[in-house]
Amino acid sequence: MALVFGALATAVGLWSIAAYFLEAVIARVGEPDQSLLFWYLPLLFIGIIGLILGVAAGTWGVWRRKRRLEQAPPADAPAVGDRLDR
């Protein structure tokens, strides 16, 4: 779940940051009213927070997955409850 949340949060964060720059900065170049640079700031901040949370959750998910795979018993190991004297 952490990997899925991390990927989605990272994608939403990047989309939000890109939307801010495309709509508030690039689309408004040369216009006399530059107020959208200010009013779209929440979009930028949501994007930055989403990106940070997404990268952190993704990193944590990869770390957990690696640990779980390292601690898994080998495939040829007897299962719990198997009799060893057969």
Protein backbone atom coordinates (compact mmCIF):
# COMPACT_ATOMS: atom_id res chain seq x y z
CA MET A 1 0.00 0.00 0.00
CA ALA A 2 2.84 2.37 0.75
CA LEU A 3 4.20 1.96 -2.77
CA VAL A 4 0.79 2.67 -4.32
CA PHE A 5 0.21 5.70 -2.08
CA GLY A 6 3.73 6.94 -2.80
CA ALA A 7 3.29 6.64 -6.55
CA LEU A 8 -0.10 8.34 -6.52
CA ALA A 9 0.99 11.15 -4.19
CA THR A 10 4.11 11.75 -6.27
CA ALA A 11 2.07 11.87 -9.48
CA VAL A 12 -0.48 14.27 -7.97
CA GLY A 13 2.30 16.43 -6.55
CA LEU A 14 4.11 16.66 -9.86
CA TRP A 15 0.83 17.38 -11.68
CA SER A 16 -0.02 20.15 -9.21
CA ILE A 17 3.39 21.78 -9.51
CA ALA A 18 3.25 21.58 -13.30
CA ALA A 19 -0.27 23.02 -13.32
CA TYR A 20 0.88 25.97 -11.23
CA PHE A 21 3.76 26.78 -13.53
CA LEU A 22 1.74 26.27 -16.70
CA GLU A 23 -1.35 28.23 -15.59
CA ALA A 24 0.01 30.88 -13.23
CA VAL A 25 3.45 31.56 -14.64
CA ILE A 26 3.78 30.63 -18.31
CA ALA A 27 0.22 31.39 -19.46
CA ARG A 28 0.27 34.83 -17.79
CA VAL A 29 3.56 36.12 -19.17
CA GLY A 30 3.10 39.64 -20.49
CA GLU A 31 -0.37 40.17 -19.02
CA PRO A 32 -0.85 43.22 -16.78
CA ASP A 33 -2.72 41.22 -14.09
CA GLN A 34 -0.25 38.89 -12.35
CA SER A 35 -2.49 38.12 -9.37
CA LEU A 36 -2.76 34.44 -10.27
CA LEU A 37 0.85 34.03 -9.21
CA PHE A 38 -0.45 34.65 -5.70
CA TRP A 39 -3.88 33.00 -5.89
CA TYR A 40 -2.53 29.74 -7.32
CA LEU A 41 0.11 29.39 -4.58
CA PRO A 42 -2.00 26.82 -2.66
CA LEU A 43 -1.80 24.63 -5.76
CA LEU A 44 1.98 24.89 -5.66
CA PHE A 45 2.17 24.16 -1.93
CA ILE A 46 -0.17 21.17 -2.22
CA GLY A 47 2.08 19.89 -5.00
CA ILE A 48 5.26 20.30 -2.96
CA ILE A 49 3.74 18.58 0.08
CA GLY A 50 2.31 15.78 -2.09
CA LEU A 51 5.67 15.27 -3.76
CA ILE A 52 7.50 15.08 -0.43
CA LEU A 53 4.93 12.68 1.06
CA GLY A 54 4.92 10.56 -2.09
CA VAL A 55 8.67 10.17 -2.24
CA ALA A 56 8.80 9.38 1.49
CA ALA A 57 6.00 6.78 1.27
CA GLY A 58 7.52 5.21 -1.84
CA THR A 59 10.94 4.98 -0.22
CA TRP A 60 9.42 3.46 2.90
CA GLY A 61 7.47 0.95 0.82
CA VAL A 62 10.56 -0.15 -1.11
CA TRP A 63 12.53 -0.45 2.13
CA ARG A 64 9.78 -2.57 3.74
CA ARG A 65 9.54 -4.80 0.67
CA LYS A 66 13.31 -5.37 0.62
CA ARG A 67 13.32 -6.26 4.32
CA ARG A 68 10.43 -8.66 3.92
CA LEU A 69 12.10 -10.41 0.97
CA GLU A 70 15.41 -10.70 2.86
CA GLN A 71 13.67 -12.28 5.86
CA ALA A 72 11.58 -14.73 3.83
CA PRO A 73 12.57 -18.38 4.18
CA PRO A 74 14.13 -20.05 1.15
CA ALA A 75 11.76 -21.87 -1.19
CA ASP A 76 13.16 -25.32 -0.31
CA ALA A 77 12.82 -24.84 3.46
CA PRO A 78 10.27 -27.06 5.21
CA ALA A 79 6.98 -25.37 5.97
CA VAL A 80 5.68 -24.93 9.50
CA GLY A 81 4.14 -28.20 10.68
CA ASP A 82 6.05 -30.44 8.22
CA ARG A 83 7.55 -33.53 9.75
CA LEU A 84 11.30 -33.64 9.35
CA ASP A 85 11.67 -37.42 9.82
CA ARG A 86 10.09 -38.43 6.53
